PDB file of all heavy atoms in Angstrom:
ATOM      1  N   ALA A   1     -27.130  -8.186 -18.906  1.00  0.00           N
ATOM      2  CA  ALA A   1     -26.629  -8.289 -20.301  1.00  0.00           C
ATOM      3  C   ALA A   1     -25.328  -7.518 -20.476  1.00  0.00           C
ATOM      4  O   ALA A   1     -24.469  -7.934 -21.270  1.00  0.00           O
ATOM      5  CB  ALA A   1     -27.695  -7.875 -21.263  1.00  0.00           C
ATOM      6  N   THR A   2     -25.214  -6.395 -19.750  1.00  0.00           N
ATOM      7  CA  THR A   2     -23.952  -5.664 -19.801  1.00  0.00           C
ATOM      8  C   THR A   2     -22.755  -6.510 -19.368  1.00  0.00           C
ATOM      9  O   THR A   2     -21.660  -6.548 -19.907  1.00  0.00           O
ATOM     10  CB  THR A   2     -24.041  -4.402 -18.904  1.00  0.00           C
ATOM     11  OG1 THR A   2     -25.145  -3.643 -19.363  1.00  0.00           O
ATOM     12  CG2 THR A   2     -22.773  -3.539 -19.083  1.00  0.00           C
ATOM     13  N   GLY A   3     -23.034  -7.362 -18.312  1.00  0.00           N
ATOM     14  CA  GLY A   3     -22.033  -8.275 -17.781  1.00  0.00           C
ATOM     15  C   GLY A   3     -21.773  -9.402 -18.801  1.00  0.00           C
ATOM     16  O   GLY A   3     -20.712 -10.075 -18.657  1.00  0.00           O
ATOM     17  N   LEU A   4     -22.642  -9.615 -19.717  1.00  0.00           N
ATOM     18  CA  LEU A   4     -22.456 -10.717 -20.688  1.00  0.00           C
ATOM     19  C   LEU A   4     -21.747 -10.126 -21.940  1.00  0.00           C
ATOM     20  O   LEU A   4     -20.779 -10.793 -22.496  1.00  0.00           O
ATOM     21  CB  LEU A   4     -23.822 -11.281 -21.145  1.00  0.00           C
ATOM     22  CG  LEU A   4     -24.569 -11.981 -20.052  1.00  0.00           C
ATOM     23  CD1 LEU A   4     -25.971 -12.378 -20.654  1.00  0.00           C
ATOM     24  CD2 LEU A   4     -23.924 -13.229 -19.579  1.00  0.00           C
ATOM     25  N   PHE A   5     -22.109  -8.935 -22.427  1.00  0.00           N
ATOM     26  CA  PHE A   5     -21.711  -8.500 -23.738  1.00  0.00           C
ATOM     27  C   PHE A   5     -20.760  -7.306 -23.771  1.00  0.00           C
ATOM     28  O   PHE A   5     -20.313  -6.940 -24.862  1.00  0.00           O
ATOM     29  CB  PHE A   5     -22.971  -8.115 -24.579  1.00  0.00           C
ATOM     30  CG  PHE A   5     -23.900  -9.237 -24.809  1.00  0.00           C
ATOM     31  CD1 PHE A   5     -25.093  -9.321 -24.149  1.00  0.00           C
ATOM     32  CD2 PHE A   5     -23.520 -10.312 -25.669  1.00  0.00           C
ATOM     33  CE1 PHE A   5     -26.040 -10.374 -24.461  1.00  0.00           C
ATOM     34  CE2 PHE A   5     -24.420 -11.335 -25.923  1.00  0.00           C
ATOM     35  CZ  PHE A   5     -25.672 -11.402 -25.349  1.00  0.00           C
ATOM     36  N   ALA A   6     -20.405  -6.685 -22.617  1.00  0.00           N
ATOM     37  CA  ALA A   6     -19.511  -5.547 -22.644  1.00  0.00           C
ATOM     38  C   ALA A   6     -18.191  -5.965 -23.265  1.00  0.00           C
ATOM     39  O   ALA A   6     -17.726  -7.065 -23.066  1.00  0.00           O
ATOM     40  CB  ALA A   6     -19.288  -5.064 -21.225  1.00  0.00           C
ATOM     41  N   SER A   7     -17.636  -5.086 -24.096  1.00  0.00           N
ATOM     42  CA  SER A   7     -16.466  -5.382 -24.811  1.00  0.00           C
ATOM     43  C   SER A   7     -15.471  -4.168 -24.864  1.00  0.00           C
ATOM     44  O   SER A   7     -15.874  -3.109 -25.150  1.00  0.00           O
ATOM     45  CB  SER A   7     -16.818  -5.818 -26.282  1.00  0.00           C
ATOM     46  OG  SER A   7     -15.693  -5.971 -27.071  1.00  0.00           O
ATOM     47  N   THR A   8     -14.169  -4.466 -24.607  1.00  0.00           N
ATOM     48  CA  THR A   8     -13.170  -3.460 -24.655  1.00  0.00           C
ATOM     49  C   THR A   8     -12.954  -3.005 -26.115  1.00  0.00           C
ATOM     50  O   THR A   8     -12.447  -1.949 -26.373  1.00  0.00           O
ATOM     51  CB  THR A   8     -11.895  -3.939 -24.013  1.00  0.00           C
ATOM     52  OG1 THR A   8     -11.484  -5.136 -24.643  1.00  0.00           O
ATOM     53  CG2 THR A   8     -11.990  -4.135 -22.535  1.00  0.00           C
ATOM     54  N   ALA A   9     -13.350  -3.856 -27.071  1.00  0.00           N
ATOM     55  CA  ALA A   9     -13.227  -3.521 -28.461  1.00  0.00           C
ATOM     56  C   ALA A   9     -14.170  -2.390 -28.817  1.00  0.00           C
ATOM     57  O   ALA A   9     -13.881  -1.588 -29.788  1.00  0.00           O
ATOM     58  CB  ALA A   9     -13.498  -4.724 -29.342  1.00  0.00           C
ATOM     59  N   VAL A  10     -15.180  -2.233 -28.098  1.00  0.00           N
ATOM     60  CA  VAL A  10     -16.181  -1.162 -28.352  1.00  0.00           C
ATOM     61  C   VAL A  10     -15.835   0.084 -27.468  1.00  0.00           C
ATOM     62  O   VAL A  10     -15.855   1.250 -27.946  1.00  0.00           O
ATOM     63  CB  VAL A  10     -17.591  -1.636 -27.970  1.00  0.00           C
ATOM     64  CG1 VAL A  10     -18.589  -0.454 -28.122  1.00  0.00           C
ATOM     65  CG2 VAL A  10     -18.032  -2.837 -28.788  1.00  0.00           C
ATOM     66  N   ASN A  11     -15.440  -0.193 -26.268  1.00  0.00           N
ATOM     67  CA  ASN A  11     -15.127   0.924 -25.313  1.00  0.00           C
ATOM     68  C   ASN A  11     -13.896   0.470 -24.505  1.00  0.00           C
ATOM     69  O   ASN A  11     -14.035  -0.393 -23.597  1.00  0.00           O
ATOM     70  CB  ASN A  11     -16.303   1.219 -24.453  1.00  0.00           C
ATOM     71  CG  ASN A  11     -16.157   2.513 -23.699  1.00  0.00           C
ATOM     72  OD1 ASN A  11     -15.092   2.829 -23.264  1.00  0.00           O
ATOM     73  ND2 ASN A  11     -17.295   3.210 -23.475  1.00  0.00           N
ATOM     74  N   ALA A  12     -12.797   1.043 -24.754  1.00  0.00           N
ATOM     75  CA  ALA A  12     -11.528   0.674 -24.068  1.00  0.00           C
ATOM     76  C   ALA A  12     -11.498   1.106 -22.611  1.00  0.00           C
ATOM     77  O   ALA A  12     -10.643   0.697 -21.812  1.00  0.00           O
ATOM     78  CB  ALA A  12     -10.395   1.404 -24.766  1.00  0.00           C
ATOM     79  N   GLU A  13     -12.525   1.882 -22.162  1.00  0.00           N
ATOM     80  CA  GLU A  13     -12.591   2.351 -20.748  1.00  0.00           C
ATOM     81  C   GLU A  13     -13.202   1.349 -19.814  1.00  0.00           C
ATOM     82  O   GLU A  13     -13.262   1.508 -18.623  1.00  0.00           O
ATOM     83  CB  GLU A  13     -13.295   3.654 -20.659  1.00  0.00           C
ATOM     84  CG  GLU A  13     -12.588   4.815 -21.423  1.00  0.00           C
ATOM     85  CD  GLU A  13     -13.379   6.108 -21.291  1.00  0.00           C
ATOM     86  OE1 GLU A  13     -14.428   6.093 -20.573  1.00  0.00           O
ATOM     87  OE2 GLU A  13     -12.960   7.074 -21.841  1.00  0.00           O
ATOM     88  N   VAL A  14     -13.726   0.185 -20.327  1.00  0.00           N
ATOM     89  CA  VAL A  14     -14.361  -0.859 -19.586  1.00  0.00           C
ATOM     90  C   VAL A  14     -13.619  -2.194 -19.595  1.00  0.00           C
ATOM     91  O   VAL A  14     -12.578  -2.242 -20.269  1.00  0.00           O
ATOM     92  CB  VAL A  14     -15.847  -0.990 -20.040  1.00  0.00           C
ATOM     93  CG1 VAL A  14     -16.623   0.244 -19.961  1.00  0.00           C
ATOM     94  CG2 VAL A  14     -15.866  -1.564 -21.464  1.00  0.00           C
ATOM     95  N   ILE A  15     -14.181  -3.184 -18.966  1.00  0.00           N
ATOM     96  CA  ILE A  15     -13.604  -4.497 -19.027  1.00  0.00           C
ATOM     97  C   ILE A  15     -14.531  -5.430 -19.780  1.00  0.00           C
ATOM     98  O   ILE A  15     -15.723  -5.109 -19.924  1.00  0.00           O
ATOM     99  CB  ILE A  15     -13.319  -5.094 -17.611  1.00  0.00           C
ATOM    100  CG1 ILE A  15     -14.606  -5.121 -16.799  1.00  0.00           C
ATOM    101  CG2 ILE A  15     -12.274  -4.222 -16.895  1.00  0.00           C
ATOM    102  CD1 ILE A  15     -14.405  -5.775 -15.415  1.00  0.00           C
ATOM    103  N   ASP A  16     -13.985  -6.531 -20.337  1.00  0.00           N
ATOM    104  CA  ASP A  16     -14.836  -7.421 -21.073  1.00  0.00           C
ATOM    105  C   ASP A  16     -15.884  -8.140 -20.173  1.00  0.00           C
ATOM    106  O   ASP A  16     -15.663  -8.365 -18.981  1.00  0.00           O
ATOM    107  CB  ASP A  16     -13.935  -8.471 -21.786  1.00  0.00           C
ATOM    108  CG  ASP A  16     -13.198  -7.905 -22.949  1.00  0.00           C
ATOM    109  OD1 ASP A  16     -13.728  -7.033 -23.614  1.00  0.00           O
ATOM    110  OD2 ASP A  16     -12.054  -8.294 -23.168  1.00  0.00           O
ATOM    111  N   GLY A  17     -17.004  -8.577 -20.800  1.00  0.00           N
ATOM    112  CA  GLY A  17     -17.992  -9.332 -20.168  1.00  0.00           C
ATOM    113  C   GLY A  17     -17.784 -10.817 -20.253  1.00  0.00           C
ATOM    114  O   GLY A  17     -16.747 -11.276 -20.772  1.00  0.00           O
ATOM    115  N   LEU A  18     -18.707 -11.586 -19.775  1.00  0.00           N
ATOM    116  CA  LEU A  18     -18.636 -13.050 -19.778  1.00  0.00           C
ATOM    117  C   LEU A  18     -18.270 -13.679 -21.106  1.00  0.00           C
ATOM    118  O   LEU A  18     -17.438 -14.557 -21.260  1.00  0.00           O
ATOM    119  CB  LEU A  18     -19.920 -13.668 -19.232  1.00  0.00           C
ATOM    120  CG  LEU A  18     -20.054 -15.168 -19.267  1.00  0.00           C
ATOM    121  CD1 LEU A  18     -19.075 -15.874 -18.313  1.00  0.00           C
ATOM    122  CD2 LEU A  18     -21.475 -15.622 -18.872  1.00  0.00           C
ATOM    123  N   PHE A  19     -18.988 -13.196 -22.158  1.00  0.00           N
ATOM    124  CA  PHE A  19     -18.806 -13.789 -23.458  1.00  0.00           C
ATOM    125  C   PHE A  19     -17.559 -13.391 -24.163  1.00  0.00           C
ATOM    126  O   PHE A  19     -17.205 -13.778 -25.267  1.00  0.00           O
ATOM    127  CB  PHE A  19     -19.999 -13.501 -24.369  1.00  0.00           C
ATOM    128  CG  PHE A  19     -21.280 -14.143 -23.918  1.00  0.00           C
ATOM    129  CD1 PHE A  19     -22.557 -13.536 -24.200  1.00  0.00           C
ATOM    130  CD2 PHE A  19     -21.279 -15.327 -23.215  1.00  0.00           C
ATOM    131  CE1 PHE A  19     -23.733 -14.185 -23.758  1.00  0.00           C
ATOM    132  CE2 PHE A  19     -22.430 -15.959 -22.826  1.00  0.00           C
ATOM    133  CZ  PHE A  19     -23.670 -15.363 -23.128  1.00  0.00           C
ATOM    134  N   TYR A  20     -16.817 -12.525 -23.484  1.00  0.00           N
ATOM    135  CA  TYR A  20     -15.429 -12.149 -24.014  1.00  0.00           C
ATOM    136  C   TYR A  20     -14.374 -12.473 -23.056  1.00  0.00           C
ATOM    137  O   TYR A  20     -13.330 -11.931 -23.049  1.00  0.00           O
ATOM    138  CB  TYR A  20     -15.433 -10.637 -24.298  1.00  0.00           C
ATOM    139  CG  TYR A  20     -16.449 -10.194 -25.414  1.00  0.00           C
ATOM    140  CD1 TYR A  20     -17.745  -9.791 -25.066  1.00  0.00           C
ATOM    141  CD2 TYR A  20     -16.116 -10.323 -26.721  1.00  0.00           C
ATOM    142  CE1 TYR A  20     -18.620  -9.428 -26.044  1.00  0.00           C
ATOM    143  CE2 TYR A  20     -17.020  -9.937 -27.745  1.00  0.00           C
ATOM    144  CZ  TYR A  20     -18.313  -9.508 -27.368  1.00  0.00           C
ATOM    145  OH  TYR A  20     -19.181  -9.200 -28.373  1.00  0.00           O
ATOM    146  N   GLY A  21     -14.651 -13.495 -22.230  1.00  0.00           N
ATOM    147  CA  GLY A  21     -13.605 -14.111 -21.404  1.00  0.00           C
ATOM    148  C   GLY A  21     -13.453 -13.561 -19.991  1.00  0.00           C
ATOM    149  O   GLY A  21     -12.441 -13.867 -19.383  1.00  0.00           O
ATOM    150  N   ASN A  22     -14.493 -12.858 -19.502  1.00  0.00           N
ATOM    151  CA  ASN A  22     -14.350 -12.281 -18.095  1.00  0.00           C
ATOM    152  C   ASN A  22     -15.636 -12.531 -17.380  1.00  0.00           C
ATOM    153  O   ASN A  22     -16.409 -11.599 -17.211  1.00  0.00           O
ATOM    154  CB  ASN A  22     -14.066 -10.761 -18.254  1.00  0.00           C
ATOM    155  CG  ASN A  22     -13.739 -10.174 -16.844  1.00  0.00           C
ATOM    156  OD1 ASN A  22     -13.199 -10.826 -15.975  1.00  0.00           O
ATOM    157  ND2 ASN A  22     -14.196  -8.981 -16.669  1.00  0.00           N
ATOM    158  N   PRO A  23     -15.800 -13.731 -16.780  1.00  0.00           N
ATOM    159  CA  PRO A  23     -16.999 -13.972 -16.026  1.00  0.00           C
ATOM    160  C   PRO A  23     -17.265 -13.147 -14.793  1.00  0.00           C
ATOM    161  O   PRO A  23     -18.387 -12.856 -14.441  1.00  0.00           O
ATOM    162  CB  PRO A  23     -16.729 -15.513 -15.604  1.00  0.00           C
ATOM    163  CG  PRO A  23     -15.805 -16.027 -16.583  1.00  0.00           C
ATOM    164  CD  PRO A  23     -14.897 -14.922 -16.954  1.00  0.00           C
ATOM    165  N   PRO A  24     -16.212 -12.679 -14.092  1.00  0.00           N
ATOM    166  CA  PRO A  24     -16.472 -11.877 -12.888  1.00  0.00           C
ATOM    167  C   PRO A  24     -17.414 -10.657 -13.095  1.00  0.00           C
ATOM    168  O   PRO A  24     -18.121 -10.209 -12.195  1.00  0.00           O
ATOM    169  CB  PRO A  24     -15.066 -11.425 -12.408  1.00  0.00           C
ATOM    170  CG  PRO A  24     -14.190 -12.509 -12.917  1.00  0.00           C
ATOM    171  CD  PRO A  24     -14.810 -12.900 -14.228  1.00  0.00           C
ATOM    172  N   LEU A  25     -17.385 -10.059 -14.323  1.00  0.00           N
ATOM    173  CA  LEU A  25     -18.190  -8.877 -14.556  1.00  0.00           C
ATOM    174  C   LEU A  25     -19.649  -9.176 -14.421  1.00  0.00           C
ATOM    175  O   LEU A  25     -20.421  -8.327 -13.886  1.00  0.00           O
ATOM    176  CB  LEU A  25     -17.886  -8.326 -15.973  1.00  0.00           C
ATOM    177  CG  LEU A  25     -18.726  -6.966 -16.299  1.00  0.00           C
ATOM    178  CD1 LEU A  25     -18.382  -5.920 -15.297  1.00  0.00           C
ATOM    179  CD2 LEU A  25     -18.427  -6.579 -17.686  1.00  0.00           C
ATOM    180  N   LEU A  26     -20.048 -10.375 -14.835  1.00  0.00           N
ATOM    181  CA  LEU A  26     -21.515 -10.761 -14.630  1.00  0.00           C
ATOM    182  C   LEU A  26     -21.861 -10.756 -13.150  1.00  0.00           C
ATOM    183  O   LEU A  26     -22.933 -10.383 -12.742  1.00  0.00           O
ATOM    184  CB  LEU A  26     -21.770 -12.096 -15.227  1.00  0.00           C
ATOM    185  CG  LEU A  26     -23.271 -12.612 -15.191  1.00  0.00           C
ATOM    186  CD1 LEU A  26     -24.228 -11.581 -15.788  1.00  0.00           C
ATOM    187  CD2 LEU A  26     -23.363 -14.011 -15.840  1.00  0.00           C
TER     188      LEU A  26
END
């Protein structure tokens, strides 16, 4: 789920997840 929902809008130190345009994180 972290790979799906992680968001740089919440934490600028990470990369976006699948639902925010970055499928590789999943």
